[in-house]
Amino acid sequence: MAAIYPDLSGKVVIVTGGAGGIGEAIARSFVRQGCKVGVLDLDAERGRRLQEELADGDGTLRFAACDLTDIPALKAAIADLRAALGPVDVLINNAANDQRHATLEVTEDYWDGRIAVNLRHQFFAAQAVLPDMMEKQGGVILNMGSNSWMIGQGGMAAYTACKSAVLGLTRSLARDFGPHGVRVNAVAPGWIMTERQLELWVTPETEKEIYQRQCLKRKLVPDDIARFVVFMASEDAGACTNQHYVVDGGWV
C-alpha cells in the first residue's frame, strides 16, 4: 500500500506525457492522493480513456491533448488546465521519447526534433507555471531525466545529451526560484518496464543485463518511480531542492 501525504490533497498537479507509461503511473498516484491532476499527452484516445476511468477517484483528472513540441500549444493547454483546475502547485516534466538513432545518420532536423521532444518543453512548461508558484510562495517542479547518460549508453546520443541537460536546467531553476519557495529537482529513472520498453527493447539478453547491472535483482516498474515522485512533491521532502535523484535499482 502506497503512502498517503495529507498535504497533497487538493493540490493542482500537471503531468506531461501522462497518458501512458511512467507518466500514467504518476498521474494515477496523484489522483489517489486527492489531487486535481491535469495530464498533457499527444495520445488523445488513451488520455481520454484515462480521464473517464478516473472521473470518480479520490481526486480528479482532466486530460488535454497536446503536442509538447509545439510551444504555443503547450502554453495554451496548460492555461486550459489551469482554468479548469486552479493555479498550479506541482509540475511533473515527464514527457520524453527514447528513440534510438545512429550518430552518423543524424540530420540537423532530427537533432532539433530530439531536443524539442526531450528537453525544450520542460523549460517552457516550467515557465508557464512558475508565476502561480511565485504568487503562492511555494511549489514543486520535478524534471524527469534518465540514468542512460550516467551509464554511458550508446545508440541515442541526442537523447542522452538532452537527459544530461535536464540536470543543468533543474539546478538553474532551483537557484533562481528557491527564494520564492519553489523546489526544483531532477529524477533519473533506470530501466523501467513500461509497455514501450517491453515491446521494443526488452529481450532475454537485455533481461540478463538488468540482473547483472542492478544491485536489486528485480525488474523496476512505473509505480517504483511514481511513489518516489509523489514523495518528492510532498512536504515530507520539503527541504529537498537543487538535487538529482537516481531511481534505478542501483545500476549506477
C-alpha atoms as a PDB file:
ATOM      1  CA  MET A   1       0.000   0.000   0.000  1.00  0.00           C
ATOM      2  CA  ALA A   2       1.436   3.354  -1.053  1.00  0.00           C
ATOM      3  CA  ALA A   3       1.815   6.138   1.494  1.00  0.00           C
ATOM      4  CA  ILE A   4      -0.743   8.950   1.638  1.00  0.00           C
ATOM      5  CA  TYR A   5       0.509  12.516   2.142  1.00  0.00           C
ATOM      6  CA  PRO A   6      -2.317  14.664   3.514  1.00  0.00           C
ATOM      7  CA  ASP A   7      -0.630  17.918   2.462  1.00  0.00           C
ATOM      8  CA  LEU A   8      -1.063  16.912  -1.197  1.00  0.00           C
ATOM      9  CA  SER A   9      -4.843  16.672  -1.015  1.00  0.00           C
ATOM     10  CA  GLY A  10      -6.442  19.313  -3.233  1.00  0.00           C
ATOM     11  CA  LYS A  11      -3.161  20.323  -4.867  1.00  0.00           C
ATOM     12  CA  VAL A  12      -3.171  21.033  -8.614  1.00  0.00           C
ATOM     13  CA  VAL A  13      -0.663  18.842 -10.435  1.00  0.00           C
ATOM     14  CA  ILE A  14       0.314  18.943 -14.117  1.00  0.00           C
ATOM     15  CA  VAL A  15       1.891  15.789 -15.610  1.00  0.00           C
ATOM     16  CA  THR A  16       3.308  15.899 -19.147  1.00  0.00           C
ATOM     17  CA  GLY A  17       3.302  12.660 -21.092  1.00  0.00           C
ATOM     18  CA  GLY A  18       0.798  11.341 -18.570  1.00  0.00           C
ATOM     19  CA  ALA A  19      -1.389   9.119 -20.753  1.00  0.00           C
ATOM     20  CA  GLY A  20       0.893   6.088 -20.629  1.00  0.00           C
ATOM     21  CA  GLY A  21       3.987   4.535 -19.103  1.00  0.00           C
ATOM     22  CA  ILE A  22       5.677   6.232 -16.159  1.00  0.00           C
ATOM     23  CA  GLY A  23       3.567   9.365 -16.636  1.00  0.00           C
ATOM     24  CA  GLU A  24       0.324   7.437 -16.316  1.00  0.00           C
ATOM     25  CA  ALA A  25       1.523   5.785 -13.107  1.00  0.00           C
ATOM     26  CA  ILE A  26       2.455   9.220 -11.748  1.00  0.00           C
ATOM     27  CA  ALA A  27      -0.924  10.694 -12.673  1.00  0.00           C
ATOM     28  CA  ARG A  28      -2.779   7.798 -11.051  1.00  0.00           C
ATOM     29  CA  SER A  29      -0.702   8.151  -7.895  1.00  0.00           C
ATOM     30  CA  PHE A  30      -1.520  11.846  -7.539  1.00  0.00           C
ATOM     31  CA  VAL A  31      -5.224  11.145  -8.048  1.00  0.00           C
ATOM     32  CA  ARG A  32      -5.013   8.652  -5.166  1.00  0.00           C
ATOM     33  CA  GLN A  33      -3.562  11.463  -3.055  1.00  0.00           C
ATOM     34  CA  GLY A  34      -6.712  13.510  -3.681  1.00  0.00           C
ATOM     35  CA  CYS A  35      -5.038  15.906  -6.103  1.00  0.00           C
ATOM     36  CA  LYS A  36      -6.538  17.704  -9.061  1.00  0.00           C
ATOM     37  CA  VAL A  37      -4.431  16.332 -11.886  1.00  0.00           C
ATOM     38  CA  GLY A  38      -4.024  17.745 -15.377  1.00  0.00           C
ATOM     39  CA  VAL A  39      -2.494  15.419 -17.960  1.00  0.00           C
ATOM     40  CA  LEU A  40      -0.907  16.544 -21.232  1.00  0.00           C
ATOM     41  CA  ASP A  41      -0.176  13.994 -23.930  1.00  0.00           C
ATOM     42  CA  LEU A  42      -0.175  13.524 -27.692  1.00  0.00           C
ATOM     43  CA  ASP A  43      -2.191  10.285 -27.375  1.00  0.00           C
ATOM     44  CA  ALA A  44      -5.699  11.722 -27.244  1.00  0.00           C
ATOM     45  CA  GLU A  45      -7.522   8.378 -27.222  1.00  0.00           C
ATOM     46  CA  ARG A  46      -5.585   6.980 -24.314  1.00  0.00           C
ATOM     47  CA  GLY A  47      -5.717  10.265 -22.422  1.00  0.00           C
ATOM     48  CA  ARG A  48      -9.488  10.489 -22.697  1.00  0.00           C
ATOM     49  CA  ARG A  49      -9.878   6.878 -21.541  1.00  0.00           C
ATOM     50  CA  LEU A  50      -7.754   7.685 -18.505  1.00  0.00           C
ATOM     51  CA  GLN A  51      -9.891  10.745 -17.745  1.00  0.00           C
ATOM     52  CA  GLU A  52     -13.089   8.677 -17.956  1.00  0.00           C
ATOM     53  CA  GLU A  53     -11.674   5.900 -15.789  1.00  0.00           C
ATOM     54  CA  LEU A  54     -10.541   8.236 -13.011  1.00  0.00           C
ATOM     55  CA  ALA A  55     -13.567  10.536 -13.068  1.00  0.00           C
ATOM     56  CA  ASP A  56     -14.816   9.138  -9.749  1.00  0.00           C
ATOM     57  CA  GLY A  57     -11.497   8.702  -7.952  1.00  0.00           C
ATOM     58  CA  ASP A  58     -10.294  10.258  -4.712  1.00  0.00           C
ATOM     59  CA  GLY A  59      -9.035  13.220  -6.717  1.00  0.00           C
ATOM     60  CA  THR A  60      -9.858  14.423 -10.208  1.00  0.00           C
ATOM     61  CA  LEU A  61      -8.116  14.081 -13.560  1.00  0.00           C
ATOM     62  CA  ARG A  62      -8.533  16.241 -16.629  1.00  0.00           C
ATOM     63  CA  PHE A  63      -6.850  15.485 -19.942  1.00  0.00           C
ATOM     64  CA  ALA A  64      -5.696  17.899 -22.649  1.00  0.00           C
ATOM     65  CA  ALA A  65      -4.361  16.622 -25.968  1.00  0.00           C
ATOM     66  CA  CYS A  66      -1.178  18.449 -26.851  1.00  0.00           C
ATOM     67  CA  ASP A  67       1.941  18.165 -28.997  1.00  0.00           C
ATOM     68  CA  LEU A  68       4.549  19.300 -26.480  1.00  0.00           C
ATOM     69  CA  THR A  69       6.979  20.204 -29.245  1.00  0.00           C
ATOM     70  CA  ASP A  70       4.554  22.988 -30.246  1.00  0.00           C
ATOM     71  CA  ILE A  71       5.316  25.534 -27.535  1.00  0.00           C
ATOM     72  CA  PRO A  72       2.303  27.841 -28.148  1.00  0.00           C
ATOM     73  CA  ALA A  73       0.064  24.744 -27.985  1.00  0.00           C
ATOM     74  CA  LEU A  74       1.796  23.632 -24.786  1.00  0.00           C
ATOM     75  CA  LYS A  75       1.238  27.004 -23.145  1.00  0.00           C
ATOM     76  CA  ALA A  76      -2.400  27.054 -24.265  1.00  0.00           C
ATOM     77  CA  ALA A  77      -3.027  23.554 -22.922  1.00  0.00           C
ATOM     78  CA  ILE A  78      -1.527  24.443 -19.540  1.00  0.00           C
ATOM     79  CA  ALA A  79      -3.673  27.580 -19.460  1.00  0.00           C
ATOM     80  CA  ASP A  80      -6.783  25.485 -20.195  1.00  0.00           C
ATOM     81  CA  LEU A  81      -5.972  23.028 -17.417  1.00  0.00           C
ATOM     82  CA  ARG A  82      -5.262  25.891 -15.027  1.00  0.00           C
ATOM     83  CA  ALA A  83      -8.633  27.442 -15.854  1.00  0.00           C
ATOM     84  CA  ALA A  84     -10.367  24.137 -15.111  1.00  0.00           C
ATOM     85  CA  LEU A  85      -8.388  23.041 -12.046  1.00  0.00           C
ATOM     86  CA  GLY A  86      -6.904  26.183 -10.495  1.00  0.00           C
ATOM     87  CA  PRO A  87      -3.406  27.653 -10.043  1.00  0.00           C
ATOM     88  CA  VAL A  88      -0.669  25.055 -10.406  1.00  0.00           C
ATOM     89  CA  ASP A  89       1.125  23.681  -7.333  1.00  0.00           C
ATOM     90  CA  VAL A  90       3.172  20.860  -8.877  1.00  0.00           C
ATOM     91  CA  LEU A  91       4.650  20.285 -12.343  1.00  0.00           C
ATOM     92  CA  ILE A  92       5.974  16.881 -13.384  1.00  0.00           C
ATOM     93  CA  ASN A  93       8.011  17.303 -16.575  1.00  0.00           C
ATOM     94  CA  ASN A  94       7.808  13.661 -17.589  1.00  0.00           C
ATOM     95  CA  ALA A  95       7.293  13.543 -21.381  1.00  0.00           C
ATOM     96  CA  ALA A  96      10.156  12.161 -23.476  1.00  0.00           C
ATOM     97  CA  ASN A  97      10.938   9.770 -26.307  1.00  0.00           C
ATOM     98  CA  ASP A  98      13.982   7.496 -26.201  1.00  0.00           C
ATOM     99  CA  GLN A  99      14.077   6.732 -29.908  1.00  0.00           C
ATOM    100  CA  ARG A 100      17.356   5.072 -30.886  1.00  0.00           C
ATOM    101  CA  HIS A 101      19.481   6.644 -33.625  1.00  0.00           C
ATOM    102  CA  ALA A 102      22.824   6.142 -35.343  1.00  0.00           C
ATOM    103  CA  THR A 103      25.087   9.144 -34.847  1.00  0.00           C
ATOM    104  CA  LEU A 104      26.366   9.226 -38.427  1.00  0.00           C
ATOM    105  CA  GLU A 105      22.802   9.346 -39.758  1.00  0.00           C
ATOM    106  CA  VAL A 106      21.518  12.203 -37.578  1.00  0.00           C
ATOM    107  CA  THR A 107      20.454  15.302 -39.530  1.00  0.00           C
ATOM    108  CA  GLU A 108      20.023  18.814 -38.191  1.00  0.00           C
ATOM    109  CA  ASP A 109      16.251  18.444 -38.335  1.00  0.00           C
ATOM    110  CA  TYR A 110      16.343  15.138 -36.469  1.00  0.00           C
ATOM    111  CA  TRP A 111      18.631  16.603 -33.803  1.00  0.00           C
ATOM    112  CA  ASP A 112      16.351  19.606 -33.322  1.00  0.00           C
ATOM    113  CA  GLY A 113      13.377  17.266 -33.078  1.00  0.00           C
ATOM    114  CA  ARG A 114      15.033  15.233 -30.319  1.00  0.00           C
ATOM    115  CA  ILE A 115      15.774  18.418 -28.386  1.00  0.00           C
ATOM    116  CA  ALA A 116      12.157  19.502 -28.805  1.00  0.00           C
ATOM    117  CA  VAL A 117      10.637  16.245 -27.572  1.00  0.00           C
ATOM    118  CA  ASN A 118      13.091  15.554 -24.745  1.00  0.00           C
ATOM    119  CA  LEU A 119      14.207  18.912 -23.327  1.00  0.00           C
ATOM    120  CA  ARG A 120      12.760  22.136 -24.690  1.00  0.00           C
ATOM    121  CA  HIS A 121       9.214  21.623 -23.407  1.00  0.00           C
ATOM    122  CA  GLN A 122      10.498  21.133 -19.851  1.00  0.00           C
ATOM    123  CA  PHE A 123      11.743  24.716 -19.774  1.00  0.00           C
ATOM    124  CA  PHE A 124       8.617  26.233 -21.282  1.00  0.00           C
ATOM    125  CA  ALA A 125       6.239  24.198 -19.119  1.00  0.00           C
ATOM    126  CA  ALA A 126       8.142  25.437 -16.065  1.00  0.00           C
ATOM    127  CA  GLN A 127       7.991  28.985 -17.402  1.00  0.00           C
ATOM    128  CA  ALA A 128       4.204  28.656 -17.738  1.00  0.00           C
ATOM    129  CA  VAL A 129       3.564  27.511 -14.144  1.00  0.00           C
ATOM    130  CA  LEU A 130       6.194  29.495 -12.239  1.00  0.00           C
ATOM    131  CA  PRO A 131       4.060  32.661 -11.918  1.00  0.00           C
ATOM    132  CA  ASP A 132       1.444  30.657  -9.964  1.00  0.00           C
ATOM    133  CA  MET A 133       4.138  29.232  -7.691  1.00  0.00           C
ATOM    134  CA  MET A 134       5.738  32.616  -7.142  1.00  0.00           C
ATOM    135  CA  GLU A 135       2.396  34.109  -6.191  1.00  0.00           C
ATOM    136  CA  LYS A 136       1.771  31.291  -3.712  1.00  0.00           C
ATOM    137  CA  GLN A 137       5.368  31.420  -2.480  1.00  0.00           C
ATOM    138  CA  GLY A 138       5.571  27.679  -2.905  1.00  0.00           C
ATOM    139  CA  GLY A 139       5.548  24.941  -5.498  1.00  0.00           C
ATOM    140  CA  VAL A 140       7.325  21.865  -6.801  1.00  0.00           C
ATOM    141  CA  ILE A 141       8.842  21.120 -10.210  1.00  0.00           C
ATOM    142  CA  LEU A 142      10.227  17.667 -10.934  1.00  0.00           C
ATOM    143  CA  ASN A 143      12.122  17.218 -14.189  1.00  0.00           C
ATOM    144  CA  MET A 144      12.453  13.624 -15.362  1.00  0.00           C
ATOM    145  CA  GLY A 145      15.912  12.692 -16.556  1.00  0.00           C
ATOM    146  CA  SER A 146      17.464   9.274 -17.133  1.00  0.00           C
ATOM    147  CA  ASN A 147      20.388   7.213 -15.928  1.00  0.00           C
ATOM    148  CA  SER A 148      21.279   6.492 -19.583  1.00  0.00           C
ATOM    149  CA  TRP A 149      23.898   9.231 -19.846  1.00  0.00           C
ATOM    150  CA  MET A 150      25.424   8.237 -16.492  1.00  0.00           C
ATOM    151  CA  ILE A 151      25.970   4.635 -17.574  1.00  0.00           C
ATOM    152  CA  GLY A 152      27.394   5.734 -20.921  1.00  0.00           C
ATOM    153  CA  GLN A 153      24.651   4.176 -23.009  1.00  0.00           C
ATOM    154  CA  GLY A 154      25.221   4.424 -26.742  1.00  0.00           C
ATOM    155  CA  GLY A 155      22.921   4.448 -29.727  1.00  0.00           C
ATOM    156  CA  MET A 156      20.974   7.599 -28.870  1.00  0.00           C
ATOM    157  CA  ALA A 157      23.377  10.487 -28.434  1.00  0.00           C
ATOM    158  CA  ALA A 158      20.734  13.198 -28.854  1.00  0.00           C
ATOM    159  CA  TYR A 159      18.541  11.616 -26.173  1.00  0.00           C
ATOM    160  CA  THR A 160      21.354  11.229 -23.656  1.00  0.00           C
ATOM    161  CA  ALA A 161      22.513  14.789 -24.351  1.00  0.00           C
ATOM    162  CA  CYS A 162      19.007  16.029 -23.500  1.00  0.00           C
ATOM    163  CA  LYS A 163      18.763  13.956 -20.363  1.00  0.00           C
ATOM    164  CA  SER A 164      22.095  15.176 -19.045  1.00  0.00           C
ATOM    165  CA  ALA A 165      20.953  18.742 -19.765  1.00  0.00           C
ATOM    166  CA  VAL A 166      17.925  18.205 -17.528  1.00  0.00           C
ATOM    167  CA  LEU A 167      20.243  18.399 -14.528  1.00  0.00           C
ATOM    168  CA  GLY A 168      21.618  21.804 -15.557  1.00  0.00           C
ATOM    169  CA  LEU A 169      18.120  23.140 -16.178  1.00  0.00           C
ATOM    170  CA  THR A 170      16.983  21.834 -12.801  1.00  0.00           C
ATOM    171  CA  ARG A 171      19.773  23.449 -10.847  1.00  0.00           C
ATOM    172  CA  SER A 172      19.369  26.799 -12.551  1.00  0.00           C
ATOM    173  CA  LEU A 173      15.624  26.900 -11.855  1.00  0.00           C
ATOM    174  CA  ALA A 174      16.147  25.761  -8.270  1.00  0.00           C
ATOM    175  CA  ARG A 175      18.620  28.581  -7.648  1.00  0.00           C
ATOM    176  CA  ASP A 176      16.515  31.270  -9.297  1.00  0.00           C
ATOM    177  CA  PHE A 177      13.173  30.379  -7.728  1.00  0.00           C
ATOM    178  CA  GLY A 178      14.159  28.957  -4.350  1.00  0.00           C
ATOM    179  CA  PRO A 179      13.697  32.432  -2.789  1.00  0.00           C
ATOM    180  CA  HIS A 180      10.036  32.141  -3.837  1.00  0.00           C
ATOM    181  CA  GLY A 181       9.630  28.813  -2.033  1.00  0.00           C
ATOM    182  CA  VAL A 182       9.768  26.749  -5.227  1.00  0.00           C
ATOM    183  CA  ARG A 183      11.564  23.413  -5.029  1.00  0.00           C
ATOM    184  CA  VAL A 184      13.054  22.020  -8.250  1.00  0.00           C
ATOM    185  CA  ASN A 185      14.604  18.565  -8.512  1.00  0.00           C
ATOM    186  CA  ALA A 186      15.517  16.045 -11.189  1.00  0.00           C
ATOM    187  CA  VAL A 187      14.597  12.363 -11.067  1.00  0.00           C
ATOM    188  CA  ALA A 188      16.595   9.902 -13.161  1.00  0.00           C
ATOM    189  CA  PRO A 189      14.816   6.573 -13.679  1.00  0.00           C
ATOM    190  CA  GLY A 190      16.711   3.483 -14.672  1.00  0.00           C
ATOM    191  CA  TRP A 191      15.315   0.837 -16.975  1.00  0.00           C
ATOM    192  CA  ILE A 192      11.607   0.834 -16.168  1.00  0.00           C
ATOM    193  CA  MET A 193       9.392  -1.897 -17.583  1.00  0.00           C
ATOM    194  CA  THR A 194       6.804   0.206 -19.393  1.00  0.00           C
ATOM    195  CA  GLU A 195       4.740  -1.183 -22.253  1.00  0.00           C
ATOM    196  CA  ARG A 196       7.011   0.639 -24.702  1.00  0.00           C
ATOM    197  CA  GLN A 197      10.189  -0.848 -23.242  1.00  0.00           C
ATOM    198  CA  LEU A 198       8.725  -4.356 -23.162  1.00  0.00           C
ATOM    199  CA  GLU A 199       7.543  -4.093 -26.760  1.00  0.00           C
ATOM    200  CA  LEU A 200      10.666  -2.528 -28.260  1.00  0.00           C
ATOM    201  CA  TRP A 201      13.784  -3.188 -26.242  1.00  0.00           C
ATOM    202  CA  VAL A 202      13.454  -5.900 -23.588  1.00  0.00           C
ATOM    203  CA  THR A 203      14.749  -9.287 -24.744  1.00  0.00           C
ATOM    204  CA  PRO A 204      16.081 -12.347 -22.884  1.00  0.00           C
ATOM    205  CA  GLU A 205      19.578 -10.959 -23.461  1.00  0.00           C
ATOM    206  CA  THR A 206      18.808  -7.492 -22.072  1.00  0.00           C
ATOM    207  CA  GLU A 207      16.982  -9.050 -19.112  1.00  0.00           C
ATOM    208  CA  LYS A 208      20.244 -10.742 -18.192  1.00  0.00           C
ATOM    209  CA  GLU A 209      21.942  -7.342 -18.294  1.00  0.00           C
ATOM    210  CA  ILE A 210      19.330  -5.904 -15.922  1.00  0.00           C
ATOM    211  CA  TYR A 211      20.011  -8.582 -13.329  1.00  0.00           C
ATOM    212  CA  GLN A 212      23.754  -8.298 -13.828  1.00  0.00           C
ATOM    213  CA  ARG A 213      23.928  -4.485 -13.561  1.00  0.00           C
ATOM    214  CA  GLN A 214      21.322  -3.630 -10.924  1.00  0.00           C
ATOM    215  CA  CYS A 215      22.042  -4.122  -7.237  1.00  0.00           C
ATOM    216  CA  LEU A 216      18.375  -5.048  -6.825  1.00  0.00           C
ATOM    217  CA  LYS A 217      17.694  -8.249  -8.729  1.00  0.00           C
ATOM    218  CA  ARG A 218      14.216  -7.455  -9.946  1.00  0.00           C
ATOM    219  CA  LYS A 219      12.588  -5.537 -12.761  1.00  0.00           C
ATOM    220  CA  LEU A 220      11.609  -1.956 -11.982  1.00  0.00           C
ATOM    221  CA  VAL A 221       8.068  -0.884 -12.848  1.00  0.00           C
ATOM    222  CA  PRO A 222       6.390   2.519 -13.341  1.00  0.00           C
ATOM    223  CA  ASP A 223       4.987   2.549  -9.802  1.00  0.00           C
ATOM    224  CA  ASP A 224       8.558   2.486  -8.445  1.00  0.00           C
ATOM    225  CA  ILE A 225       9.036   5.917  -9.999  1.00  0.00           C
ATOM    226  CA  ALA A 226       5.541   7.186  -9.221  1.00  0.00           C
ATOM    227  CA  ARG A 227       5.847   6.520  -5.489  1.00  0.00           C
ATOM    228  CA  PHE A 228       9.134   8.417  -5.333  1.00  0.00           C
ATOM    229  CA  VAL A 229       7.776  11.327  -7.375  1.00  0.00           C
ATOM    230  CA  VAL A 230       4.750  11.690  -5.077  1.00  0.00           C
ATOM    231  CA  PHE A 231       7.035  11.699  -2.036  1.00  0.00           C
ATOM    232  CA  MET A 232       9.210  14.397  -3.610  1.00  0.00           C
ATOM    233  CA  ALA A 233       6.133  16.548  -4.236  1.00  0.00           C
ATOM    234  CA  SER A 234       5.016  16.259  -0.622  1.00  0.00           C
ATOM    235  CA  GLU A 235       6.102  18.323   2.371  1.00  0.00           C
ATOM    236  CA  ASP A 236       7.932  15.250   3.677  1.00  0.00           C
ATOM    237  CA  ALA A 237      10.573  16.249   1.099  1.00  0.00           C
ATOM    238  CA  GLY A 238      10.214  19.934   1.937  1.00  0.00           C
ATOM    239  CA  ALA A 239      13.955  20.529   2.416  1.00  0.00           C
ATOM    240  CA  CYS A 240      14.948  18.833  -0.853  1.00  0.00           C
ATOM    241  CA  THR A 241      15.779  21.015  -3.841  1.00  0.00           C
ATOM    242  CA  ASN A 242      18.524  21.535  -6.426  1.00  0.00           C
ATOM    243  CA  GLN A 243      19.246  17.789  -6.436  1.00  0.00           C
ATOM    244  CA  HIS A 244      19.392  14.832  -8.817  1.00  0.00           C
ATOM    245  CA  TYR A 245      17.828  11.613  -7.555  1.00  0.00           C
ATOM    246  CA  VAL A 246      18.625   8.343  -9.313  1.00  0.00           C
ATOM    247  CA  VAL A 247      15.937   5.661  -9.056  1.00  0.00           C
ATOM    248  CA  ASP A 248      17.423   2.727 -10.941  1.00  0.00           C
ATOM    249  CA  GLY A 249      17.726  -0.209  -8.557  1.00  0.00           C
ATOM    250  CA  GLY A 250      21.413   0.522  -8.055  1.00  0.00           C
ATOM    251  CA  TRP A 251      22.560   0.326 -11.685  1.00  0.00           C
ATOM    252  CA  VAL A 252      24.693   3.493 -11.432  1.00  0.00           C
END
